[in-house]
Structure formats: structure tokens, C-alpha cells
Amino acid sequence: MEIEGKIKVIGDTKEYGKNGFQKRMVVITTEEKYPQDLSVDFVQDKTNLVDNFHVGDKVKVGINLRGREWVSPQGETKYFNSINAWRIEKLTDDPGNDDVPPIDENIEPIDKFNEEDDESGGLPF
């Protein structure tokens, strides 16, 4: 799955537990009729993927949805969801069109209609 939007928050990389589990939270604000602030987690070796990004950057993020069940010591069952990111790429504000060649400003415009050569009385058809 993928989400697109602007980076709102980039958290610091944090370590958890004795094994050194690493996690870095990033908040992406979607750009739709009803924008959503989605907290996504970059974990372990993916935490450094965010190093070259800044708040306000438009991005596309590859994500996986994760869910798990947890039973408390009192026997109560709870469910948790998380959004784990595995890829991030910067999007440009200019959609542009790669199929259109650049304009050469040094070319003289062509006069498509010359009345002197026209036998139709000035009508273009």
C-alpha cells in the first residue's frame, strides 16, 4: 500500500528494549477533501530513510498495516494496529509533462496565413 501527503512531523530515532529495537515516527498529512494526519513508523534499518527529508516535503510512502492481539495480566484482550513504512520518495509540486519538449525561444514564429497568396478572399478554409 502507499500513502501520499506532506510531512508534518519527523521524530527522532528511539531505541527500545535490551535488543536495541529502533523506531522513528513520521506524521504524513494526506491531501484530500478531509486531510488525515497519519503516524507511520520506520523501524530498524529503515529509520535512516528519512534522513534527507524535511517537514513540508511532499512524499509517497510505501506502508504495511500491522495488527496484533495483547492479553493483559488481568485477562483483558486488546488489539493494536500500526503502520510500518518501508519506502519513502519525494514528490514534486510541479506535475509537469515529460512528453512535451522544451521551447526553443530563438526560433522565429511562422506566419501561417498570408493574405497575398490567398485566393479564397481571406477565409481560412
N, C-alpha and C. Protein backbone atom coordinates (compact mmCIF):
# COMPACT_ATOMS: atom_id res chain seq x y z
N MET A 1 0.84 -1.17 0.00
CA MET A 1 0.00 0.00 0.00
C MET A 1 0.89 1.24 0.00
N GLU A 2 0.30 2.34 -0.42
CA GLU A 2 1.03 3.61 -0.44
C GLU A 2 0.13 4.73 0.06
N ILE A 3 0.76 5.72 0.67
CA ILE A 3 0.05 6.94 1.03
C ILE A 3 0.86 8.12 0.50
N GLU A 4 0.16 9.20 0.16
CA GLU A 4 0.81 10.41 -0.30
C GLU A 4 0.35 11.57 0.55
N GLY A 5 1.26 12.52 0.75
CA GLY A 5 0.92 13.71 1.51
C GLY A 5 2.16 14.51 1.83
N LYS A 6 2.01 15.44 2.77
CA LYS A 6 3.13 16.28 3.19
C LYS A 6 3.59 15.85 4.57
N ILE A 7 4.90 15.90 4.76
CA ILE A 7 5.46 15.56 6.07
C ILE A 7 5.12 16.67 7.06
N LYS A 8 4.50 16.29 8.17
CA LYS A 8 4.12 17.25 9.21
C LYS A 8 5.11 17.20 10.38
N VAL A 9 5.56 15.99 10.72
CA VAL A 9 6.47 15.79 11.86
C VAL A 9 7.46 14.70 11.50
N ILE A 10 8.73 14.93 11.87
CA ILE A 10 9.74 13.87 11.78
C ILE A 10 10.32 13.69 13.18
N GLY A 11 10.08 12.53 13.75
CA GLY A 11 10.58 12.27 15.09
C GLY A 11 12.02 11.79 15.09
N ASP A 12 12.59 11.76 16.27
CA ASP A 12 13.93 11.22 16.44
C ASP A 12 13.87 9.70 16.48
N THR A 13 14.97 9.06 16.12
CA THR A 13 15.06 7.61 16.23
C THR A 13 15.19 7.26 17.71
N LYS A 14 14.35 6.32 18.16
CA LYS A 14 14.38 5.90 19.57
C LYS A 14 14.68 4.41 19.64
N GLU A 15 15.38 4.02 20.70
CA GLU A 15 15.69 2.60 20.94
C GLU A 15 14.86 2.07 22.08
N TYR A 16 14.40 0.83 21.93
CA TYR A 16 13.57 0.19 22.94
C TYR A 16 14.13 -1.18 23.28
N GLY A 17 14.05 -1.54 24.54
CA GLY A 17 14.43 -2.88 24.99
C GLY A 17 15.91 -3.15 24.97
N LYS A 18 16.24 -4.35 25.45
CA LYS A 18 17.64 -4.78 25.55
C LYS A 18 18.26 -5.10 24.19
N ASN A 19 17.43 -5.45 23.23
CA ASN A 19 17.94 -5.83 21.91
C ASN A 19 18.18 -4.63 21.00
N GLY A 20 17.87 -3.43 21.46
CA GLY A 20 18.12 -2.23 20.66
C GLY A 20 17.16 -2.03 19.51
N PHE A 21 15.88 -2.42 19.68
CA PHE A 21 14.88 -2.20 18.65
C PHE A 21 14.76 -0.70 18.39
N GLN A 22 14.85 -0.29 17.10
CA GLN A 22 14.81 1.13 16.75
C GLN A 22 13.52 1.46 16.01
N LYS A 23 13.01 2.67 16.30
CA LYS A 23 11.77 3.13 15.67
C LYS A 23 11.84 4.64 15.49
N ARG A 24 11.34 5.11 14.34
CA ARG A 24 11.28 6.55 14.07
C ARG A 24 9.90 6.87 13.51
N MET A 25 9.20 7.78 14.18
CA MET A 25 7.85 8.14 13.81
C MET A 25 7.86 9.35 12.86
N VAL A 26 7.04 9.27 11.82
CA VAL A 26 6.84 10.38 10.88
C VAL A 26 5.34 10.55 10.70
N VAL A 27 4.88 11.81 10.76
CA VAL A 27 3.46 12.09 10.53
C VAL A 27 3.31 12.66 9.13
N ILE A 28 2.42 12.02 8.36
CA ILE A 28 2.11 12.44 7.00
C ILE A 28 0.69 12.98 6.99
N THR A 29 0.51 14.20 6.47
CA THR A 29 -0.83 14.78 6.31
C THR A 29 -1.26 14.55 4.88
N THR A 30 -2.33 13.78 4.71
CA THR A 30 -2.83 13.48 3.38
C THR A 30 -3.45 14.73 2.77
N GLU A 31 -3.46 14.79 1.44
CA GLU A 31 -4.03 15.94 0.74
C GLU A 31 -5.28 15.48 0.00
N GLU A 32 -6.37 15.51 0.71
CA GLU A 32 -7.66 15.10 0.15
C GLU A 32 -8.73 15.99 0.74
N LYS A 33 -9.97 15.73 0.42
CA LYS A 33 -11.07 16.58 0.90
C LYS A 33 -11.06 16.68 2.43
N TYR A 34 -10.83 15.58 3.10
CA TYR A 34 -10.75 15.56 4.56
C TYR A 34 -9.36 15.04 4.93
N PRO A 35 -8.35 15.93 5.00
CA PRO A 35 -6.97 15.50 5.28
C PRO A 35 -6.85 14.74 6.60
N GLN A 36 -5.99 13.74 6.58
CA GLN A 36 -5.74 12.93 7.77
C GLN A 36 -4.27 13.04 8.15
N ASP A 37 -3.99 13.10 9.45
CA ASP A 37 -2.62 13.04 9.96
C ASP A 37 -2.35 11.60 10.33
N LEU A 38 -1.50 10.93 9.54
CA LEU A 38 -1.21 9.51 9.75
C LEU A 38 0.20 9.36 10.31
N SER A 39 0.29 8.71 11.44
CA SER A 39 1.58 8.42 12.05
C SER A 39 2.09 7.09 11.50
N VAL A 40 3.25 7.14 10.84
CA VAL A 40 3.85 5.93 10.30
C VAL A 40 5.19 5.70 11.00
N ASP A 41 5.55 4.45 11.17
CA ASP A 41 6.79 4.09 11.86
C ASP A 41 7.79 3.49 10.88
N PHE A 42 9.00 4.04 10.90
CA PHE A 42 10.13 3.44 10.20
C PHE A 42 10.89 2.67 11.27
N VAL A 43 11.09 1.37 11.07
CA VAL A 43 11.71 0.55 12.12
C VAL A 43 13.03 -0.06 11.64
N GLN A 44 13.88 -0.33 12.64
CA GLN A 44 15.17 -0.97 12.45
C GLN A 44 16.02 -0.27 11.38
N ASP A 45 16.40 -0.98 10.32
CA ASP A 45 17.30 -0.41 9.31
C ASP A 45 16.61 0.61 8.41
N LYS A 46 15.31 0.80 8.55
CA LYS A 46 14.56 1.76 7.73
C LYS A 46 14.53 3.16 8.36
N THR A 47 14.98 3.32 9.60
CA THR A 47 14.90 4.62 10.27
C THR A 47 15.72 5.69 9.55
N ASN A 48 16.80 5.30 8.90
CA ASN A 48 17.65 6.29 8.23
C ASN A 48 17.11 6.73 6.87
N LEU A 49 16.04 6.10 6.38
CA LEU A 49 15.46 6.50 5.09
C LEU A 49 14.92 7.93 5.14
N VAL A 50 14.63 8.43 6.32
CA VAL A 50 14.01 9.75 6.48
C VAL A 50 15.06 10.85 6.61
N ASP A 51 16.33 10.50 6.71
CA ASP A 51 17.39 11.48 6.99
C ASP A 51 17.42 12.66 6.02
N ASN A 52 17.11 12.46 4.76
CA ASN A 52 17.21 13.52 3.75
C ASN A 52 15.88 14.22 3.47
N PHE A 53 14.90 14.03 4.34
CA PHE A 53 13.59 14.64 4.16
C PHE A 53 13.37 15.72 5.22
N HIS A 54 12.44 16.65 4.90
CA HIS A 54 12.17 17.76 5.79
C HIS A 54 10.66 17.96 5.95
N VAL A 55 10.27 18.61 7.03
CA VAL A 55 8.87 18.97 7.24
C VAL A 55 8.42 19.81 6.05
N GLY A 56 7.26 19.48 5.50
CA GLY A 56 6.71 20.19 4.34
C GLY A 56 6.95 19.49 3.02
N ASP A 57 7.87 18.53 2.97
CA ASP A 57 8.12 17.79 1.73
C ASP A 57 6.89 16.97 1.35
N LYS A 58 6.56 16.98 0.05
CA LYS A 58 5.51 16.10 -0.46
C LYS A 58 6.15 14.74 -0.73
N VAL A 59 5.52 13.68 -0.21
CA VAL A 59 6.12 12.36 -0.32
C VAL A 59 5.08 11.29 -0.65
N LYS A 60 5.62 10.18 -1.14
CA LYS A 60 4.85 8.95 -1.29
C LYS A 60 5.55 7.92 -0.43
N VAL A 61 4.79 7.24 0.44
CA VAL A 61 5.37 6.30 1.40
C VAL A 61 4.77 4.92 1.19
N GLY A 62 5.63 3.92 1.02
CA GLY A 62 5.20 2.53 0.95
C GLY A 62 5.00 2.02 2.37
N ILE A 63 3.83 1.44 2.64
CA ILE A 63 3.50 1.03 4.01
C ILE A 63 2.96 -0.40 4.06
N ASN A 64 3.04 -0.97 5.24
CA ASN A 64 2.38 -2.22 5.58
C ASN A 64 1.55 -1.98 6.83
N LEU A 65 0.33 -2.49 6.84
CA LEU A 65 -0.51 -2.41 8.03
C LEU A 65 -0.24 -3.62 8.89
N ARG A 66 -0.05 -3.40 10.17
CA ARG A 66 0.21 -4.49 11.11
C ARG A 66 -0.82 -4.44 12.23
N GLY A 67 -1.22 -5.60 12.69
CA GLY A 67 -2.16 -5.70 13.81
C GLY A 67 -1.74 -6.82 14.73
N ARG A 68 -2.01 -6.63 16.02
CA ARG A 68 -1.67 -7.71 16.96
C ARG A 68 -2.63 -7.71 18.14
N GLU A 69 -2.71 -8.85 18.73
CA GLU A 69 -3.55 -9.04 19.91
C GLU A 69 -2.66 -9.07 21.14
N TRP A 70 -3.14 -8.49 22.25
CA TRP A 70 -2.40 -8.49 23.50
C TRP A 70 -3.37 -8.81 24.63
N VAL A 71 -2.98 -9.72 25.50
CA VAL A 71 -3.80 -10.07 26.65
C VAL A 71 -3.10 -9.54 27.89
N SER A 72 -3.80 -8.67 28.63
CA SER A 72 -3.24 -8.07 29.84
C SER A 72 -3.12 -9.11 30.94
N PRO A 73 -2.35 -8.80 31.98
CA PRO A 73 -2.25 -9.73 33.12
C PRO A 73 -3.61 -10.00 33.78
N GLN A 74 -4.54 -9.09 33.60
CA GLN A 74 -5.89 -9.27 34.16
C GLN A 74 -6.79 -10.10 33.24
N GLY A 75 -6.25 -10.50 32.08
CA GLY A 75 -7.01 -11.34 31.16
C GLY A 75 -7.80 -10.57 30.11
N GLU A 76 -7.67 -9.25 30.10
CA GLU A 76 -8.39 -8.44 29.12
C GLU A 76 -7.63 -8.46 27.79
N THR A 77 -8.36 -8.71 26.71
CA THR A 77 -7.75 -8.77 25.38
C THR A 77 -7.90 -7.42 24.69
N LYS A 78 -6.79 -6.94 24.14
CA LYS A 78 -6.79 -5.68 23.40
C LYS A 78 -6.13 -5.91 22.05
N TYR A 79 -6.50 -5.05 21.09
CA TYR A 79 -5.94 -5.13 19.76
C TYR A 79 -5.27 -3.81 19.40
N PHE A 80 -4.11 -3.91 18.75
CA PHE A 80 -3.35 -2.74 18.36
C PHE A 80 -3.04 -2.80 16.87
N ASN A 81 -3.08 -1.63 16.25
CA ASN A 81 -2.72 -1.51 14.83
C ASN A 81 -1.52 -0.60 14.71
N SER A 82 -0.70 -0.84 13.70
CA SER A 82 0.41 0.06 13.41
C SER A 82 0.59 0.14 11.90
N ILE A 83 1.19 1.25 11.48
CA ILE A 83 1.50 1.46 10.08
C ILE A 83 3.02 1.51 9.97
N ASN A 84 3.60 0.50 9.35
CA ASN A 84 5.05 0.43 9.19
C ASN A 84 5.44 0.84 7.78
N ALA A 85 6.37 1.78 7.70
CA ALA A 85 6.84 2.28 6.40
C ALA A 85 8.11 1.55 6.01
N TRP A 86 8.24 1.28 4.72
CA TRP A 86 9.43 0.57 4.23
C TRP A 86 10.10 1.30 3.07
N ARG A 87 9.43 2.35 2.54
CA ARG A 87 9.99 3.13 1.43
C ARG A 87 9.40 4.53 1.51
N ILE A 88 10.21 5.53 1.11
CA ILE A 88 9.72 6.91 1.03
C ILE A 88 10.40 7.58 -0.16
N GLU A 89 9.60 8.33 -0.93
CA GLU A 89 10.17 9.07 -2.06
C GLU A 89 9.55 10.46 -2.11
N LYS A 90 10.37 11.42 -2.53
CA LYS A 90 9.93 12.80 -2.62
C LYS A 90 9.14 13.00 -3.90
N LEU A 91 8.02 13.73 -3.79
CA LEU A 91 7.21 14.09 -4.95
C LEU A 91 7.44 15.56 -5.25
N THR A 92 7.29 15.94 -6.51
CA THR A 92 7.47 17.34 -6.87
C THR A 92 6.12 18.04 -6.86
N ASP A 93 6.14 19.35 -6.64
CA ASP A 93 4.92 20.15 -6.69
C ASP A 93 4.47 20.39 -8.11
N ASP A 94 5.41 20.31 -9.08
CA ASP A 94 5.12 20.56 -10.47
C ASP A 94 4.87 19.24 -11.18
N PRO A 95 3.59 18.94 -11.53
CA PRO A 95 3.34 17.67 -12.17
C PRO A 95 4.04 17.57 -13.52
N GLY A 96 4.19 18.69 -14.23
CA GLY A 96 4.95 18.70 -15.48
C GLY A 96 4.44 17.68 -16.48
N ASN A 97 4.99 17.75 -17.67
CA ASN A 97 4.68 16.76 -18.69
C ASN A 97 5.98 16.43 -19.40
N ASP A 98 6.49 15.25 -19.13
CA ASP A 98 7.77 14.84 -19.69
C ASP A 98 7.70 14.61 -21.19
N ASP A 99 6.47 14.49 -21.76
CA ASP A 99 6.33 14.23 -23.19
C ASP A 99 6.48 15.50 -24.03
N VAL A 100 6.37 16.67 -23.42
CA VAL A 100 6.44 17.92 -24.16
C VAL A 100 7.89 18.40 -24.19
N PRO A 101 8.45 18.61 -25.39
CA PRO A 101 9.85 19.07 -25.45
C PRO A 101 9.94 20.52 -24.98
N PRO A 102 11.13 20.95 -24.54
CA PRO A 102 11.29 22.34 -24.11
C PRO A 102 11.14 23.29 -25.29
N ILE A 103 10.70 24.50 -24.98
CA ILE A 103 10.50 25.51 -26.02
C ILE A 103 11.83 26.19 -26.32
N ASP A 104 12.15 26.28 -27.63
CA ASP A 104 13.36 26.99 -28.05
C ASP A 104 12.96 28.44 -28.32
N GLU A 105 13.38 29.35 -27.47
CA GLU A 105 12.99 30.75 -27.56
C GLU A 105 13.64 31.48 -28.73
N ASN A 106 14.63 30.87 -29.40
CA ASN A 106 15.33 31.52 -30.50
C ASN A 106 14.69 31.29 -31.86
N ILE A 107 13.66 30.48 -31.93
CA ILE A 107 13.01 30.17 -33.20
C ILE A 107 12.00 31.27 -33.53
N GLU A 108 12.04 31.75 -34.79
CA GLU A 108 11.11 32.78 -35.25
C GLU A 108 9.73 32.14 -35.46
N PRO A 109 8.66 32.85 -35.06
CA PRO A 109 7.32 32.29 -35.30
C PRO A 109 7.01 32.23 -36.79
N ILE A 110 6.22 31.26 -37.18
CA ILE A 110 5.83 31.09 -38.58
C ILE A 110 4.49 31.76 -38.79
N ASP A 111 4.40 32.60 -39.85
CA ASP A 111 3.13 33.23 -40.20
C ASP A 111 2.34 32.22 -41.01
N LYS A 112 1.28 31.67 -40.42
CA LYS A 112 0.54 30.60 -41.09
C LYS A 112 -0.40 31.11 -42.17
N PHE A 113 -0.72 32.37 -42.15
CA PHE A 113 -1.70 32.86 -43.12
C PHE A 113 -1.16 34.11 -43.81
N ASN A 114 -1.01 34.02 -45.10
CA ASN A 114 -0.52 35.14 -45.90
C ASN A 114 -1.63 35.53 -46.85
N GLU A 115 -2.24 36.73 -46.65
CA GLU A 115 -3.39 37.16 -47.46
C GLU A 115 -3.05 37.33 -48.93
N GLU A 116 -1.81 37.70 -49.25
CA GLU A 116 -1.43 37.93 -50.65
C GLU A 116 -1.50 36.65 -51.47
N ASP A 117 -1.19 35.52 -50.86
CA ASP A 117 -1.20 34.24 -51.58
C ASP A 117 -2.58 33.58 -51.55
N ASP A 118 -3.51 34.19 -50.84
CA ASP A 118 -4.81 33.55 -50.63
C ASP A 118 -5.79 33.92 -51.73
N GLU A 119 -6.41 32.93 -52.36
CA GLU A 119 -7.41 33.17 -53.40
C GLU A 119 -8.82 33.01 -52.86
N SER A 120 -8.98 32.69 -51.59
CA SER A 120 -10.31 32.44 -51.04
C SER A 120 -10.97 33.68 -50.47
N GLY A 121 -10.36 34.86 -50.65
CA GLY A 121 -10.95 36.08 -50.15
C GLY A 121 -10.73 36.30 -48.68
N GLY A 122 -9.65 35.73 -48.12
CA GLY A 122 -9.33 35.95 -46.71
C GLY A 122 -9.91 34.93 -45.77
N LEU A 123 -10.68 33.96 -46.30
CA LEU A 123 -11.25 32.93 -45.44
C LEU A 123 -10.22 31.80 -45.26
N PRO A 124 -10.06 31.32 -44.07
CA PRO A 124 -9.03 30.31 -43.81
C PRO A 124 -9.40 28.90 -44.26
N PHE A 125 -10.54 28.73 -44.99
CA PHE A 125 -10.91 27.38 -45.43
C PHE A 125 -11.35 27.36 -46.86
